[in-house]
Amino acid sequence: MSFDEEWSAARATAAANVSLRLNQASPPGPHAGGADLELNQDHLGAVGSEAHRLHSRLQTDGKHAAAATAEAAGALTREGFASGAALSGVNTCWESQVKTLVAACAQISNGLNYSLSSHHRDEQQLYAAFTTSKLDGYLK
């Protein structure tokens, strides 16, 4: 068998066995083979709004006990209790975690706002390109 014949047979075998599956089998039921994820600007806007609302609430509600906790930790430490240092450590850890969560909410909100505006801008550019191109004549 020549190289060309062997190569042709290998290509034919490979082409016969080609399939694509994205990390799962097709879901059973009426939506088999169809799209099962729909995400539109309304959904993204709602998620972004909730992230912003959570961000705002966490900035105030996440810190409401910080002053009282620091005062209690200081009082316990002055009286010689080891729990004062432990409470201070817990307060520091809590503040760090609240800051991380606030930053994550801001990132989600800002990222979704950017995605929405970027997508809208891209849609406008595509619309302008199609309406001024020869394709517009073919589509009508």
Protein backbone atom coordinates (compact mmCIF):
# COMPACT_ATOMS: atom_id res chain seq x y z
CA MET A 1 0.00 0.00 0.00
CA SER A 2 1.40 3.40 -0.96
CA PHE A 3 1.61 6.35 1.40
CA ASP A 4 -1.20 8.17 -0.43
CA GLU A 5 -3.52 5.16 -0.16
CA GLU A 6 -2.69 4.66 3.52
CA TRP A 7 -3.16 8.37 4.24
CA SER A 8 -6.49 8.41 2.41
CA ALA A 9 -7.69 5.37 4.38
CA ALA A 10 -6.59 6.96 7.68
CA ARG A 11 -8.44 10.21 6.83
CA ALA A 12 -11.59 8.30 5.88
CA THR A 13 -11.49 6.31 9.13
CA ALA A 14 -10.95 9.45 11.19
CA ALA A 15 -13.73 11.34 9.39
CA ALA A 16 -16.16 8.48 10.06
CA ASN A 17 -15.43 8.59 13.80
CA VAL A 18 -15.67 12.35 14.36
CA SER A 19 -18.20 13.59 16.90
CA LEU A 20 -18.43 16.49 19.31
CA ARG A 21 -19.71 16.36 22.85
CA LEU A 22 -19.31 19.27 25.23
CA ASN A 23 -18.58 17.74 28.61
CA GLN A 24 -21.87 15.84 28.76
CA ALA A 25 -24.30 13.74 26.81
CA SER A 26 -27.40 15.32 25.33
CA PRO A 27 -30.01 15.89 28.03
CA PRO A 28 -33.03 13.62 27.88
CA GLY A 29 -36.46 15.06 27.25
CA PRO A 30 -38.04 17.58 24.94
CA HIS A 31 -34.97 19.84 24.81
CA ALA A 32 -32.61 17.06 23.71
CA GLY A 33 -30.00 18.46 21.40
CA GLY A 34 -31.22 22.04 21.85
CA ALA A 35 -29.84 24.91 23.83
CA ASP A 36 -30.47 24.59 27.54
CA LEU A 37 -28.92 27.88 28.63
CA GLU A 38 -30.48 31.18 27.83
CA LEU A 39 -29.03 34.40 29.06
CA ASN A 40 -30.15 37.81 27.95
CA GLN A 41 -29.51 41.38 28.96
CA ASP A 42 -32.44 41.38 31.39
CA HIS A 43 -30.96 38.42 33.25
CA LEU A 44 -27.50 39.99 33.36
CA GLY A 45 -28.97 43.30 34.49
CA ALA A 46 -30.87 41.62 37.32
CA VAL A 47 -27.78 39.77 38.54
CA GLY A 48 -25.72 42.97 38.33
CA SER A 49 -28.35 44.91 40.28
CA GLU A 50 -28.44 42.28 43.01
CA ALA A 51 -24.65 42.26 43.23
CA HIS A 52 -24.65 46.06 43.58
CA ARG A 53 -27.39 45.90 46.22
CA LEU A 54 -25.43 43.25 48.16
CA HIS A 55 -22.27 45.35 47.82
CA SER A 56 -24.02 48.37 49.32
CA ARG A 57 -25.54 46.39 52.18
CA LEU A 58 -22.30 44.61 53.04
CA GLN A 59 -20.40 47.88 53.28
CA THR A 60 -22.66 49.01 56.13
CA ASP A 61 -24.15 45.85 57.65
CA GLY A 62 -20.90 43.87 57.51
CA LYS A 63 -19.16 46.44 59.69
CA HIS A 64 -21.84 47.37 62.20
CA ALA A 65 -20.31 45.35 65.03
CA ALA A 66 -16.65 46.27 64.37
CA ALA A 67 -16.41 49.11 66.91
CA ALA A 68 -18.20 47.20 69.67
CA THR A 69 -16.10 44.09 69.03
CA ALA A 70 -12.85 46.06 69.09
CA GLU A 71 -13.91 47.75 72.33
CA ALA A 72 -14.82 44.41 73.91
CA ALA A 73 -11.53 42.85 72.79
CA GLY A 74 -9.60 45.78 74.26
CA ALA A 75 -11.49 45.57 77.56
CA LEU A 76 -10.91 41.82 77.85
CA THR A 77 -7.21 42.24 77.04
CA ARG A 78 -6.80 45.01 79.66
CA GLU A 79 -8.39 42.75 82.27
CA GLY A 80 -5.88 40.02 81.41
CA PHE A 81 -8.16 37.63 79.57
CA ALA A 82 -6.62 35.69 76.68
CA SER A 83 -9.99 35.76 74.94
CA GLY A 84 -9.42 39.48 74.27
CA ALA A 85 -6.63 38.73 71.80
CA ALA A 86 -8.69 35.90 70.29
CA LEU A 87 -11.70 38.20 69.84
CA SER A 88 -9.46 40.81 68.24
CA GLY A 89 -8.17 38.15 65.83
CA VAL A 90 -11.71 37.09 64.98
CA ASN A 91 -12.64 40.72 64.34
CA THR A 92 -9.63 41.21 62.05
CA CYS A 93 -10.48 38.02 60.14
CA TRP A 94 -14.15 39.07 59.83
CA GLU A 95 -13.19 42.50 58.49
CA SER A 96 -10.86 40.91 55.95
CA GLN A 97 -13.56 38.52 54.76
CA VAL A 98 -16.15 41.30 54.49
CA LYS A 99 -13.70 43.38 52.41
CA THR A 100 -13.10 40.38 50.14
CA LEU A 101 -16.82 39.80 49.72
CA VAL A 102 -17.50 43.50 49.05
CA ALA A 103 -14.75 43.52 46.42
CA ALA A 104 -16.16 40.37 44.79
CA CYS A 105 -19.65 41.90 44.62
CA ALA A 106 -18.21 45.05 43.07
CA GLN A 107 -16.29 42.99 40.54
CA ILE A 108 -19.41 41.03 39.58
CA SER A 109 -21.53 44.16 39.28
CA ASN A 110 -18.91 46.10 37.33
CA GLY A 111 -18.12 43.13 35.11
CA LEU A 112 -21.75 42.60 34.20
CA ASN A 113 -22.27 46.31 33.57
CA TYR A 114 -19.23 46.27 31.28
CA SER A 115 -20.50 43.15 29.51
CA LEU A 116 -23.91 44.72 28.93
CA SER A 117 -22.53 47.99 27.57
CA SER A 118 -19.87 46.21 25.50
CA HIS A 119 -22.44 43.84 24.01
CA HIS A 120 -24.79 46.74 23.23
CA ARG A 121 -21.96 48.65 21.56
CA ASP A 122 -21.01 45.57 19.51
CA GLU A 123 -24.64 45.08 18.46
CA GLN A 124 -24.84 48.69 17.31
CA GLN A 125 -21.65 48.33 15.29
CA LEU A 126 -22.87 45.12 13.66
CA TYR A 127 -26.23 46.68 12.84
CA ALA A 128 -24.54 49.69 11.29
CA ALA A 129 -22.19 47.46 9.29
CA PHE A 130 -25.02 45.27 7.99
CA THR A 131 -27.31 48.14 7.05
CA THR A 132 -24.57 49.80 5.01
CA SER A 133 -23.29 46.65 3.35
CA LYS A 134 -24.36 44.73 0.27
CA LEU A 135 -25.72 42.02 2.59
CA ASP A 136 -28.58 44.33 3.53
CA GLY A 137 -29.81 44.25 -0.05
CA TYR A 138 -29.72 40.45 -0.12
CA LEU A 139 -31.57 40.11 3.17
CA LYS A 140 -34.53 42.24 2.08
